[in-house]
Amino acid sequence: MYTAQQNHKDNKDVVFLFVNTWEQAADKKKNVEEFFNGKPYSFLMQALDTEDKMVSGFKVDGIPTKFVLDKQGKIRFKSVGYDSNESKTVDDIAAMIQLAGEASNGTN
């Protein structure tokens, strides 16, 4: 996800938001902070969903789950699961972002 984020860092219409859900550690916040400590991520926000409200609200049934929303906040794409082929994941995300942008601008 770092590579995908870096590829779109200059696009003001693209924002990456990561929400940590289903955290099992006793001190959930500390566990997440330790994971991100020293990593080169510059997310708009890191959210910790301690009550799994995002899970139920967005019908998340596996992790990681990736959503691409258009400018109006409409979910255009949902992808569940991890793919070890980072290049494919980055390309897939780029395609979803492009299509969501086109749909949002009325060109699709």
PDB file of N, CA and C in Angstrom:
ATOM      1  N   MET A   1       0.826  -1.197   0.000  1.00  0.00           N
ATOM      2  CA  MET A   1       0.000   0.000   0.000  1.00  0.00           C
ATOM      3  C   MET A   1       0.869   1.260   0.000  1.00  0.00           C
ATOM      4  N   TYR A   2       2.064   1.138   0.523  1.00  0.00           N
ATOM      5  CA  TYR A   2       2.961   2.288   0.525  1.00  0.00           C
ATOM      6  C   TYR A   2       3.247   2.733  -0.906  1.00  0.00           C
ATOM      7  N   THR A   3       3.527   1.785  -1.783  1.00  0.00           N
ATOM      8  CA  THR A   3       3.824   2.122  -3.178  1.00  0.00           C
ATOM      9  C   THR A   3       2.617   2.764  -3.848  1.00  0.00           C
ATOM     10  N   ALA A   4       1.439   2.225  -3.615  1.00  0.00           N
ATOM     11  CA  ALA A   4       0.220   2.813  -4.191  1.00  0.00           C
ATOM     12  C   ALA A   4       0.039   4.236  -3.692  1.00  0.00           C
ATOM     13  N   GLN A   5       0.253   4.436  -2.412  1.00  0.00           N
ATOM     14  CA  GLN A   5       0.125   5.776  -1.842  1.00  0.00           C
ATOM     15  C   GLN A   5       1.136   6.727  -2.471  1.00  0.00           C
ATOM     16  N   GLN A   6       2.370   6.296  -2.609  1.00  0.00           N
ATOM     17  CA  GLN A   6       3.402   7.145  -3.192  1.00  0.00           C
ATOM     18  C   GLN A   6       3.090   7.492  -4.645  1.00  0.00           C
ATOM     19  N   ASN A   7       2.527   6.551  -5.375  1.00  0.00           N
ATOM     20  CA  ASN A   7       2.181   6.799  -6.779  1.00  0.00           C
ATOM     21  C   ASN A   7       1.108   7.866  -6.940  1.00  0.00           C
ATOM     22  N   HIS A   8       0.312   8.096  -5.911  1.00  0.00           N
ATOM     23  CA  HIS A   8      -0.802   9.046  -6.001  1.00  0.00           C
ATOM     24  C   HIS A   8      -0.643  10.235  -5.058  1.00  0.00           C
ATOM     25  N   LYS A   9       0.534  10.394  -4.475  1.00  0.00           N
ATOM     26  CA  LYS A   9       0.730  11.432  -3.458  1.00  0.00           C
ATOM     27  C   LYS A   9       0.526  12.847  -3.986  1.00  0.00           C
ATOM     28  N   ASP A  10       0.720  13.078  -5.271  1.00  0.00           N
ATOM     29  CA  ASP A  10       0.552  14.417  -5.842  1.00  0.00           C
ATOM     30  C   ASP A  10      -0.842  14.655  -6.412  1.00  0.00           C
ATOM     31  N   ASN A  11      -1.703  13.665  -6.330  1.00  0.00           N
ATOM     32  CA  ASN A  11      -3.069  13.798  -6.831  1.00  0.00           C
ATOM     33  C   ASN A  11      -3.967  14.249  -5.684  1.00  0.00           C
ATOM     34  N   LYS A  12      -4.388  15.503  -5.720  1.00  0.00           N
ATOM     35  CA  LYS A  12      -5.199  16.059  -4.627  1.00  0.00           C
ATOM     36  C   LYS A  12      -6.568  15.389  -4.504  1.00  0.00           C
ATOM     37  N   ASP A  13      -6.966  14.640  -5.515  1.00  0.00           N
ATOM     38  CA  ASP A  13      -8.262  13.961  -5.485  1.00  0.00           C
ATOM     39  C   ASP A  13      -8.184  12.556  -4.882  1.00  0.00           C
ATOM     40  N   VAL A  14      -6.985  12.126  -4.516  1.00  0.00           N
ATOM     41  CA  VAL A  14      -6.816  10.779  -3.962  1.00  0.00           C
ATOM     42  C   VAL A  14      -6.345  10.886  -2.518  1.00  0.00           C
ATOM     43  N   VAL A  15      -7.085  10.227  -1.647  1.00  0.00           N
ATOM     44  CA  VAL A  15      -6.749  10.190  -0.224  1.00  0.00           C
ATOM     45  C   VAL A  15      -6.759   8.732   0.217  1.00  0.00           C
ATOM     46  N   PHE A  16      -5.749   8.334   0.939  1.00  0.00           N
ATOM     47  CA  PHE A  16      -5.701   6.990   1.505  1.00  0.00           C
ATOM     48  C   PHE A  16      -6.064   7.080   2.978  1.00  0.00           C
ATOM     49  N   LEU A  17      -7.000   6.275   3.388  1.00  0.00           N
ATOM     50  CA  LEU A  17      -7.424   6.202   4.786  1.00  0.00           C
ATOM     51  C   LEU A  17      -7.347   4.744   5.197  1.00  0.00           C
ATOM     52  N   PHE A  18      -6.623   4.476   6.244  1.00  0.00           N
ATOM     53  CA  PHE A  18      -6.470   3.105   6.719  1.00  0.00           C
ATOM     54  C   PHE A  18      -7.136   2.978   8.072  1.00  0.00           C
ATOM     55  N   VAL A  19      -7.985   1.985   8.195  1.00  0.00           N
ATOM     56  CA  VAL A  19      -8.711   1.743   9.436  1.00  0.00           C
ATOM     57  C   VAL A  19      -8.311   0.368   9.951  1.00  0.00           C
ATOM     58  N   ASN A  20      -7.841   0.331  11.181  1.00  0.00           N
ATOM     59  CA  ASN A  20      -7.460  -0.930  11.797  1.00  0.00           C
ATOM     60  C   ASN A  20      -8.671  -1.509  12.502  1.00  0.00           C
ATOM     61  N   THR A  21      -9.066  -2.710  12.109  1.00  0.00           N
ATOM     62  CA  THR A  21     -10.223  -3.370  12.712  1.00  0.00           C
ATOM     63  C   THR A  21      -9.831  -4.755  13.202  1.00  0.00           C
ATOM     64  N   TRP A  22     -10.671  -5.319  14.000  1.00  0.00           N
ATOM     65  CA  TRP A  22     -10.483  -6.677  14.518  1.00  0.00           C
ATOM     66  C   TRP A  22      -9.146  -6.844  15.231  1.00  0.00           C
ATOM     67  N   GLU A  23      -8.652  -5.782  15.816  1.00  0.00           N
ATOM     68  CA  GLU A  23      -7.391  -5.840  16.559  1.00  0.00           C
ATOM     69  C   GLU A  23      -7.579  -6.707  17.790  1.00  0.00           C
ATOM     70  N   GLN A  24      -6.673  -7.665  18.013  1.00  0.00           N
ATOM     71  CA  GLN A  24      -6.823  -8.630  19.099  1.00  0.00           C
ATOM     72  C   GLN A  24      -5.952  -8.336  20.318  1.00  0.00           C
ATOM     73  N   ALA A  25      -5.010  -7.419  20.220  1.00  0.00           N
ATOM     74  CA  ALA A  25      -4.094  -7.144  21.332  1.00  0.00           C
ATOM     75  C   ALA A  25      -4.844  -6.569  22.528  1.00  0.00           C
ATOM     76  N   ALA A  26      -4.292  -6.786  23.710  1.00  0.00           N
ATOM     77  CA  ALA A  26      -4.910  -6.260  24.933  1.00  0.00           C
ATOM     78  C   ALA A  26      -4.959  -4.734  24.884  1.00  0.00           C
ATOM     79  N   ASP A  27      -3.844  -4.108  24.508  1.00  0.00           N
ATOM     80  CA  ASP A  27      -3.798  -2.653  24.363  1.00  0.00           C
ATOM     81  C   ASP A  27      -3.783  -2.359  22.867  1.00  0.00           C
ATOM     82  N   LYS A  28      -4.956  -2.243  22.292  1.00  0.00           N
ATOM     83  CA  LYS A  28      -5.102  -2.114  20.839  1.00  0.00           C
ATOM     84  C   LYS A  28      -4.376  -0.899  20.287  1.00  0.00           C
ATOM     85  N   LYS A  29      -4.563   0.244  20.945  1.00  0.00           N
ATOM     86  CA  LYS A  29      -3.952   1.479  20.449  1.00  0.00           C
ATOM     87  C   LYS A  29      -2.428   1.376  20.475  1.00  0.00           C
ATOM     88  N   LYS A  30      -1.878   0.888  21.558  1.00  0.00           N
ATOM     89  CA  LYS A  30      -0.423   0.756  21.675  1.00  0.00           C
ATOM     90  C   LYS A  30       0.119  -0.196  20.617  1.00  0.00           C
ATOM     91  N   ASN A  31      -0.562  -1.289  20.379  1.00  0.00           N
ATOM     92  CA  ASN A  31      -0.129  -2.262  19.381  1.00  0.00           C
ATOM     93  C   ASN A  31      -0.064  -1.639  17.988  1.00  0.00           C
ATOM     94  N   VAL A  32      -1.063  -0.860  17.636  1.00  0.00           N
ATOM     95  CA  VAL A  32      -1.092  -0.200  16.324  1.00  0.00           C
ATOM     96  C   VAL A  32       0.003   0.860  16.236  1.00  0.00           C
ATOM     97  N   GLU A  33       0.167   1.656  17.299  1.00  0.00           N
ATOM     98  CA  GLU A  33       1.215   2.682  17.308  1.00  0.00           C
ATOM     99  C   GLU A  33       2.598   2.067  17.144  1.00  0.00           C
ATOM    100  N   GLU A  34       2.847   0.952  17.819  1.00  0.00           N
ATOM    101  CA  GLU A  34       4.144   0.286  17.702  1.00  0.00           C
ATOM    102  C   GLU A  34       4.367  -0.240  16.285  1.00  0.00           C
ATOM    103  N   PHE A  35       3.312  -0.722  15.644  1.00  0.00           N
ATOM    104  CA  PHE A  35       3.437  -1.210  14.274  1.00  0.00           C
ATOM    105  C   PHE A  35       3.853  -0.087  13.328  1.00  0.00           C
ATOM    106  N   PHE A  36       3.243   1.088  13.468  1.00  0.00           N
ATOM    107  CA  PHE A  36       3.510   2.197  12.552  1.00  0.00           C
ATOM    108  C   PHE A  36       4.755   2.991  12.921  1.00  0.00           C
ATOM    109  N   ASN A  37       5.254   2.840  14.120  1.00  0.00           N
ATOM    110  CA  ASN A  37       6.411   3.598  14.579  1.00  0.00           C
ATOM    111  C   ASN A  37       7.619   3.347  13.671  1.00  0.00           C
ATOM    112  N   GLY A  38       8.149   4.423  13.101  1.00  0.00           N
ATOM    113  CA  GLY A  38       9.332   4.322  12.264  1.00  0.00           C
ATOM    114  C   GLY A  38       9.076   3.928  10.826  1.00  0.00           C
ATOM    115  N   LYS A  39       7.838   3.688  10.466  1.00  0.00           N
ATOM    116  CA  LYS A  39       7.519   3.325   9.083  1.00  0.00           C
ATOM    117  C   LYS A  39       7.256   4.613   8.285  1.00  0.00           C
ATOM    118  N   PRO A  40       7.493   4.589   6.984  1.00  0.00           N
ATOM    119  CA  PRO A  40       7.422   5.818   6.183  1.00  0.00           C
ATOM    120  C   PRO A  40       6.021   6.201   5.719  1.00  0.00           C
ATOM    121  N   TYR A  41       4.998   5.799   6.423  1.00  0.00           N
ATOM    122  CA  TYR A  41       3.644   6.111   5.992  1.00  0.00           C
ATOM    123  C   TYR A  41       3.268   7.544   6.352  1.00  0.00           C
ATOM    124  N   SER A  42       2.516   8.188   5.469  1.00  0.00           N
ATOM    125  CA  SER A  42       2.035   9.545   5.748  1.00  0.00           C
ATOM    126  C   SER A  42       0.555   9.611   5.409  1.00  0.00           C
ATOM    127  N   PHE A  43      -0.225   8.825   6.094  1.00  0.00           N
ATOM    128  CA  PHE A  43      -1.656   8.760   5.840  1.00  0.00           C
ATOM    129  C   PHE A  43      -2.340  10.016   6.330  1.00  0.00           C
ATOM    130  N   LEU A  44      -3.466  10.319   5.733  1.00  0.00           N
ATOM    131  CA  LEU A  44      -4.297  11.401   6.232  1.00  0.00           C
ATOM    132  C   LEU A  44      -4.722  11.082   7.661  1.00  0.00           C
ATOM    133  N   MET A  45      -5.069   9.843   7.882  1.00  0.00           N
ATOM    134  CA  MET A  45      -5.545   9.450   9.195  1.00  0.00           C
ATOM    135  C   MET A  45      -5.301   7.963   9.379  1.00  0.00           C
ATOM    136  N   GLN A  46      -4.964   7.609  10.575  1.00  0.00           N
ATOM    137  CA  GLN A  46      -4.954   6.205  10.959  1.00  0.00           C
ATOM    138  C   GLN A  46      -6.082   6.072  11.958  1.00  0.00           C
ATOM    139  N   ALA A  47      -7.019   5.258  11.684  1.00  0.00           N
ATOM    140  CA  ALA A  47      -8.163   5.093  12.577  1.00  0.00           C
ATOM    141  C   ALA A  47      -8.119   3.710  13.193  1.00  0.00           C
ATOM    142  N   LEU A  48      -8.518   3.645  14.441  1.00  0.00           N
ATOM    143  CA  LEU A  48      -8.592   2.375  15.146  1.00  0.00           C
ATOM    144  C   LEU A  48     -10.044   2.138  15.497  1.00  0.00           C
ATOM    145  N   ASP A  49     -10.620   1.142  14.864  1.00  0.00           N
ATOM    146  CA  ASP A  49     -12.037   0.819  15.041  1.00  0.00           C
ATOM    147  C   ASP A  49     -12.167  -0.203  16.166  1.00  0.00           C
ATOM    148  N   THR A  50     -12.104   0.266  17.405  1.00  0.00           N
ATOM    149  CA  THR A  50     -12.095  -0.650  18.553  1.00  0.00           C
ATOM    150  C   THR A  50     -13.426  -1.351  18.765  1.00  0.00           C
ATOM    151  N   GLU A  51     -14.491  -0.801  18.234  1.00  0.00           N
ATOM    152  CA  GLU A  51     -15.811  -1.408  18.410  1.00  0.00           C
ATOM    153  C   GLU A  51     -16.319  -2.079  17.135  1.00  0.00           C
ATOM    154  N   ASP A  52     -15.471  -2.160  16.132  1.00  0.00           N
ATOM    155  CA  ASP A  52     -15.800  -2.802  14.852  1.00  0.00           C
ATOM    156  C   ASP A  52     -17.027  -2.202  14.168  1.00  0.00           C
ATOM    157  N   LYS A  53     -17.235  -0.907  14.348  1.00  0.00           N
ATOM    158  CA  LYS A  53     -18.361  -0.237  13.688  1.00  0.00           C
ATOM    159  C   LYS A  53     -18.162  -0.170  12.178  1.00  0.00           C
ATOM    160  N   MET A  54     -16.916   0.024  11.743  1.00  0.00           N
ATOM    161  CA  MET A  54     -16.639   0.058  10.304  1.00  0.00           C
ATOM    162  C   MET A  54     -16.890  -1.313   9.684  1.00  0.00           C
ATOM    163  N   VAL A  55     -16.546  -2.351  10.427  1.00  0.00           N
ATOM    164  CA  VAL A  55     -16.738  -3.719   9.939  1.00  0.00           C
ATOM    165  C   VAL A  55     -18.204  -3.961   9.626  1.00  0.00           C
ATOM    166  N   SER A  56     -19.071  -3.621  10.559  1.00  0.00           N
ATOM    167  CA  SER A  56     -20.500  -3.852  10.328  1.00  0.00           C
ATOM    168  C   SER A  56     -21.078  -2.839   9.350  1.00  0.00           C
ATOM    169  N   GLY A  57     -20.668  -1.589   9.454  1.00  0.00           N
ATOM    170  CA  GLY A  57     -21.211  -0.548   8.593  1.00  0.00           C
ATOM    171  C   GLY A  57     -20.879  -0.732   7.123  1.00  0.00           C
ATOM    172  N   PHE A  58     -19.679  -1.220   6.848  1.00  0.00           N
ATOM    173  CA  PHE A  58     -19.248  -1.413   5.462  1.00  0.00           C
ATOM    174  C   PHE A  58     -19.279  -2.880   5.042  1.00  0.00           C
ATOM    175  N   LYS A  59     -19.841  -3.722   5.900  1.00  0.00           N
ATOM    176  CA  LYS A  59     -19.975  -5.156   5.602  1.00  0.00           C
ATOM    177  C   LYS A  59     -18.631  -5.792   5.232  1.00  0.00           C
ATOM    178  N   VAL A  60     -17.636  -5.525   6.083  1.00  0.00           N
ATOM    179  CA  VAL A  60     -16.312  -6.105   5.895  1.00  0.00           C
ATOM    180  C   VAL A  60     -16.361  -7.558   6.337  1.00  0.00           C
ATOM    181  N   ASP A  61     -15.932  -8.456   5.451  1.00  0.00           N
ATOM    182  CA  ASP A  61     -15.960  -9.870   5.798  1.00  0.00           C
ATOM    183  C   ASP A  61     -14.594 -10.531   5.691  1.00  0.00           C
ATOM    184  N   GLY A  62     -13.558  -9.732   5.570  1.00  0.00           N
ATOM    185  CA  GLY A  62     -12.202 -10.245   5.523  1.00  0.00           C
ATOM    186  C   GLY A  62     -11.216  -9.095   5.547  1.00  0.00           C
ATOM    187  N   ILE A  63      -9.969  -9.409   5.876  1.00  0.00           N
ATOM    188  CA  ILE A  63      -8.950  -8.372   5.890  1.00  0.00           C
ATOM    189  C   ILE A  63      -7.742  -8.835   5.081  1.00  0.00           C
ATOM    190  N   PRO A  64      -7.120  -7.908   4.415  1.00  0.00           N
ATOM    191  CA  PRO A  64      -7.525  -6.512   4.299  1.00  0.00           C
ATOM    192  C   PRO A  64      -8.683  -6.343   3.313  1.00  0.00           C
ATOM    193  N   THR A  65      -9.467  -5.327   3.548  1.00  0.00           N
ATOM    194  CA  THR A  65     -10.521  -4.935   2.617  1.00  0.00           C
ATOM    195  C   THR A  65     -10.185  -3.539   2.119  1.00  0.00           C
ATOM    196  N   LYS A  66     -10.212  -3.364   0.813  1.00  0.00           N
ATOM    197  CA  LYS A  66      -9.896  -2.076   0.203  1.00  0.00           C
ATOM    198  C   LYS A  66     -11.141  -1.540  -0.494  1.00  0.00           C
ATOM    199  N   PHE A  67     -11.435  -0.274  -0.231  1.00  0.00           N
ATOM    200  CA  PHE A  67     -12.551   0.400  -0.890  1.00  0.00           C
ATOM    201  C   PHE A  67     -12.004   1.556  -1.710  1.00  0.00           C
ATOM    202  N   VAL A  68     -12.608   1.808  -2.849  1.00  0.00           N
ATOM    203  CA  VAL A  68     -12.327   3.011  -3.624  1.00  0.00           C
ATOM    204  C   VAL A  68     -13.649   3.739  -3.754  1.00  0.00           C
ATOM    205  N   LEU A  69     -13.667   4.965  -3.248  1.00  0.00           N
ATOM    206  CA  LEU A  69     -14.861   5.800  -3.293  1.00  0.00           C
ATOM    207  C   LEU A  69     -14.648   6.927  -4.282  1.00  0.00           C
ATOM    208  N   ASP A  70     -15.732   7.387  -4.891  1.00  0.00           N
ATOM    209  CA  ASP A  70     -15.620   8.532  -5.790  1.00  0.00           C
ATOM    210  C   ASP A  70     -15.744   9.825  -4.985  1.00  0.00           C
ATOM    211  N   LYS A  71     -15.730  10.955  -5.668  1.00  0.00           N
ATOM    212  CA  LYS A  71     -15.778  12.256  -4.991  1.00  0.00           C
ATOM    213  C   LYS A  71     -17.061  12.477  -4.209  1.00  0.00           C
ATOM    214  N   GLN A  72     -18.112  11.788  -4.576  1.00  0.00           N
ATOM    215  CA  GLN A  72     -19.384  11.925  -3.869  1.00  0.00           C
ATOM    216  C   GLN A  72     -19.485  10.955  -2.690  1.00  0.00           C
ATOM    217  N   GLY A  73     -18.459  10.151  -2.485  1.00  0.00           N
ATOM    218  CA  GLY A  73     -18.461   9.202  -1.383  1.00  0.00           C
ATOM    219  C   GLY A  73     -19.116   7.876  -1.706  1.00  0.00           C
ATOM    220  N   LYS A  74     -19.448   7.663  -2.971  1.00  0.00           N
ATOM    221  CA  LYS A  74     -20.065   6.404  -3.391  1.00  0.00           C
ATOM    222  C   LYS A  74     -18.981   5.337  -3.552  1.00  0.00           C
ATOM    223  N   ILE A  75     -19.226   4.167  -2.972  1.00  0.00           N
ATOM    224  CA  ILE A  75     -18.276   3.067  -3.112  1.00  0.00           C
ATOM    225  C   ILE A  75     -18.311   2.571  -4.552  1.00  0.00           C
ATOM    226  N   ARG A  76     -17.187   2.674  -5.229  1.00  0.00           N
ATOM    227  CA  ARG A  76     -17.082   2.224  -6.621  1.00  0.00           C
ATOM    228  C   ARG A  76     -16.458   0.835  -6.718  1.00  0.00           C
ATOM    229  N   PHE A  77     -15.558   0.520  -5.784  1.00  0.00           N
ATOM    230  CA  PHE A  77     -14.891  -0.774  -5.803  1.00  0.00           C
ATOM    231  C   PHE A  77     -14.667  -1.263  -4.384  1.00  0.00           C
ATOM    232  N   LYS A  78     -14.730  -2.575  -4.230  1.00  0.00           N
ATOM    233  CA  LYS A  78     -14.412  -3.225  -2.962  1.00  0.00           C
ATOM    234  C   LYS A  78     -13.588  -4.461  -3.295  1.00  0.00           C
ATOM    235  N   SER A  79     -12.478  -4.614  -2.619  1.00  0.00           N
ATOM    236  CA  SER A  79     -11.595  -5.754  -2.841  1.00  0.00           C
ATOM    237  C   SER A  79     -11.221  -6.340  -1.489  1.00  0.00           C
ATOM    238  N   VAL A  80     -11.365  -7.651  -1.351  1.00  0.00           N
ATOM    239  CA  VAL A  80     -11.077  -8.319  -0.085  1.00  0.00           C
ATOM    240  C   VAL A  80      -9.924  -9.289  -0.276  1.00  0.00           C
ATOM    241  N   GLY A  81      -8.988  -9.249   0.644  1.00  0.00           N
ATOM    242  CA  GLY A  81      -7.904 -10.221   0.647  1.00  0.00           C
ATOM    243  C   GLY A  81      -6.559  -9.619   0.308  1.00  0.00           C
ATOM    244  N   TYR A  82      -5.550 -10.392   0.594  1.00  0.00           N
ATOM    245  CA  TYR A  82      -4.162  -9.987   0.385  1.00  0.00           C
ATOM    246  C   TYR A  82      -3.607 -10.695  -0.839  1.00  0.00           C
ATOM    247  N   ASP A  83      -2.886  -9.966  -1.660  1.00  0.00           N
ATOM    248  CA  ASP A  83      -2.200 -10.542  -2.811  1.00  0.00           C
ATOM    249  C   ASP A  83      -0.717 -10.256  -2.631  1.00  0.00           C
ATOM    250  N   SER A  84       0.098 -11.274  -2.598  1.00  0.00           N
ATOM    251  CA  SER A  84       1.534 -11.089  -2.374  1.00  0.00           C
ATOM    252  C   SER A  84       2.228 -10.428  -3.566  1.00  0.00           C
ATOM    253  N   ASN A  85       1.541 -10.330  -4.702  1.00  0.00           N
ATOM    254  CA  ASN A  85       2.096  -9.674  -5.879  1.00  0.00           C
ATOM    255  C   ASN A  85       1.829  -8.173  -5.760  1.00  0.00           C
ATOM    256  N   GLU A  86       2.773  -7.466  -5.139  1.00  0.00           N
ATOM    257  CA  GLU A  86       2.579  -6.041  -4.878  1.00  0.00           C
ATOM    258  C   GLU A  86       2.350  -5.249  -6.159  1.00  0.00           C
ATOM    259  N   SER A  87       3.072  -5.577  -7.215  1.00  0.00           N
ATOM    260  CA  SER A  87       2.932  -4.860  -8.475  1.00  0.00           C
ATOM    261  C   SER A  87       1.505  -4.957  -9.013  1.00  0.00           C
ATOM    262  N   LYS A  88       0.921  -6.144  -8.939  1.00  0.00           N
ATOM    263  CA  LYS A  88      -0.460  -6.333  -9.394  1.00  0.00           C
ATOM    264  C   LYS A  88      -1.424  -5.534  -8.524  1.00  0.00           C
ATOM    265  N   THR A  89      -1.215  -5.568  -7.216  1.00  0.00           N
ATOM    266  CA  THR A  89      -2.079  -4.814  -6.307  1.00  0.00           C
ATOM    267  C   THR A  89      -2.009  -3.324  -6.609  1.00  0.00           C
ATOM    268  N   VAL A  90      -0.809  -2.809  -6.804  1.00  0.00           N
ATOM    269  CA  VAL A  90      -0.621  -1.384  -7.114  1.00  0.00           C
ATOM    270  C   VAL A  90      -1.307  -1.038  -8.431  1.00  0.00           C
ATOM    271  N   ASP A  91      -1.147  -1.886  -9.445  1.00  0.00           N
ATOM    272  CA  ASP A  91      -1.799  -1.648 -10.739  1.00  0.00           C
ATOM    273  C   ASP A  91      -3.320  -1.700 -10.614  1.00  0.00           C
ATOM    274  N   ASP A  92      -3.821  -2.665  -9.842  1.00  0.00           N
ATOM    275  CA  ASP A  92      -5.272  -2.782  -9.639  1.00  0.00           C
ATOM    276  C   ASP A  92      -5.830  -1.539  -8.955  1.00  0.00           C
ATOM    277  N   ILE A  93      -5.135  -1.064  -7.939  1.00  0.00           N
ATOM    278  CA  ILE A  93      -5.589   0.130  -7.221  1.00  0.00           C
ATOM    279  C   ILE A  93      -5.572   1.338  -8.148  1.00  0.00           C
ATOM    280  N   ALA A  94      -4.526   1.473  -8.949  1.00  0.00           N
ATOM    281  CA  ALA A  94      -4.441   2.595  -9.895  1.00  0.00           C
ATOM    282  C   ALA A  94      -5.607   2.564 -10.877  1.00  0.00           C
ATOM    283  N   ALA A  95      -5.937   1.380 -11.380  1.00  0.00           N
ATOM    284  CA  ALA A  95      -7.054   1.255 -12.323  1.00  0.00           C
ATOM    285  C   ALA A  95      -8.376   1.609 -11.646  1.00  0.00           C
ATOM    286  N   MET A  96      -8.566   1.142 -10.413  1.00  0.00           N
ATOM    287  CA  MET A  96      -9.803   1.457  -9.692  1.00  0.00           C
ATOM    288  C   MET A  96      -9.920   2.954  -9.429  1.00  0.00           C
ATOM    289  N   ILE A  97      -8.807   3.586  -9.053  1.00  0.00           N
ATOM    290  CA  ILE A  97      -8.813   5.031  -8.802  1.00  0.00           C
ATOM    291  C   ILE A  97      -9.156   5.781 -10.083  1.00  0.00           C
ATOM    292  N   GLN A  98      -8.556   5.376 -11.196  1.00  0.00           N
ATOM    293  CA  GLN A  98      -8.833   6.038 -12.472  1.00  0.00           C
ATOM    294  C   GLN A  98     -10.304   5.895 -12.853  1.00  0.00           C
ATOM    295  N   LEU A  99     -10.838   4.691 -12.759  1.00  0.00           N
ATOM    296  CA  LEU A  99     -12.238   4.465 -13.125  1.00  0.00           C
ATOM    297  C   LEU A  99     -13.195   5.199 -12.194  1.00  0.00           C
ATOM    298  N   ALA A 100     -12.877   5.234 -10.912  1.00  0.00           N
ATOM    299  CA  ALA A 100     -13.725   5.967  -9.966  1.00  0.00           C
ATOM    300  C   ALA A 100     -13.701   7.455 -10.281  1.00  0.00           C
ATOM    301  N   GLY A 101     -12.539   7.972 -10.648  1.00  0.00           N
ATOM    302  CA  GLY A 101     -12.433   9.380 -11.022  1.00  0.00           C
ATOM    303  C   GLY A 101     -13.223   9.699 -12.271  1.00  0.00           C
ATOM    304  N   GLU A 102     -13.150   8.817 -13.251  1.00  0.00           N
ATOM    305  CA  GLU A 102     -13.913   9.016 -14.487  1.00  0.00           C
ATOM    306  C   GLU A 102     -15.407   8.973 -14.210  1.00  0.00           C
ATOM    307  N   ALA A 103     -15.833   8.032 -13.383  1.00  0.00           N
ATOM    308  CA  ALA A 103     -17.254   7.923 -13.048  1.00  0.00           C
ATOM    309  C   ALA A 103     -17.715   9.152 -12.283  1.00  0.00           C
ATOM    310  N   SER A 104     -16.870   9.639 -11.403  1.00  0.00           N
ATOM    311  CA  SER A 104     -17.208  10.809 -10.601  1.00  0.00           C
ATOM    312  C   SER A 104     -17.310  12.065 -11.461  1.00  0.00           C
ATOM    313  N   ASN A 105     -16.508  12.104 -12.523  1.00  0.00           N
ATOM    314  CA  ASN A 105     -16.513  13.262 -13.422  1.00  0.00           C
ATOM    315  C   ASN A 105     -17.510  13.114 -14.556  1.00  0.00           C
ATOM    316  N   GLY A 106     -18.233  12.001 -14.569  1.00  0.00           N
ATOM    317  CA  GLY A 106     -19.250  11.795 -15.589  1.00  0.00           C
ATOM    318  C   GLY A 106     -18.720  11.317 -16.917  1.00  0.00           C
ATOM    319  N   THR A 107     -17.465  10.826 -16.945  1.00  0.00           N
ATOM    320  CA  THR A 107     -16.918  10.339 -18.210  1.00  0.00           C
ATOM    321  C   THR A 107     -17.035   8.835 -18.323  1.00  0.00           C
ATOM    322  N   ASN A 108     -17.693   8.218 -17.359  1.00  0.00           N
ATOM    323  CA  ASN A 108     -17.884   6.767 -17.416  1.00  0.00           C
ATOM    324  C   ASN A 108     -19.289   6.437 -16.981  1.00  0.00           C
TER     325      ASN A 108
END
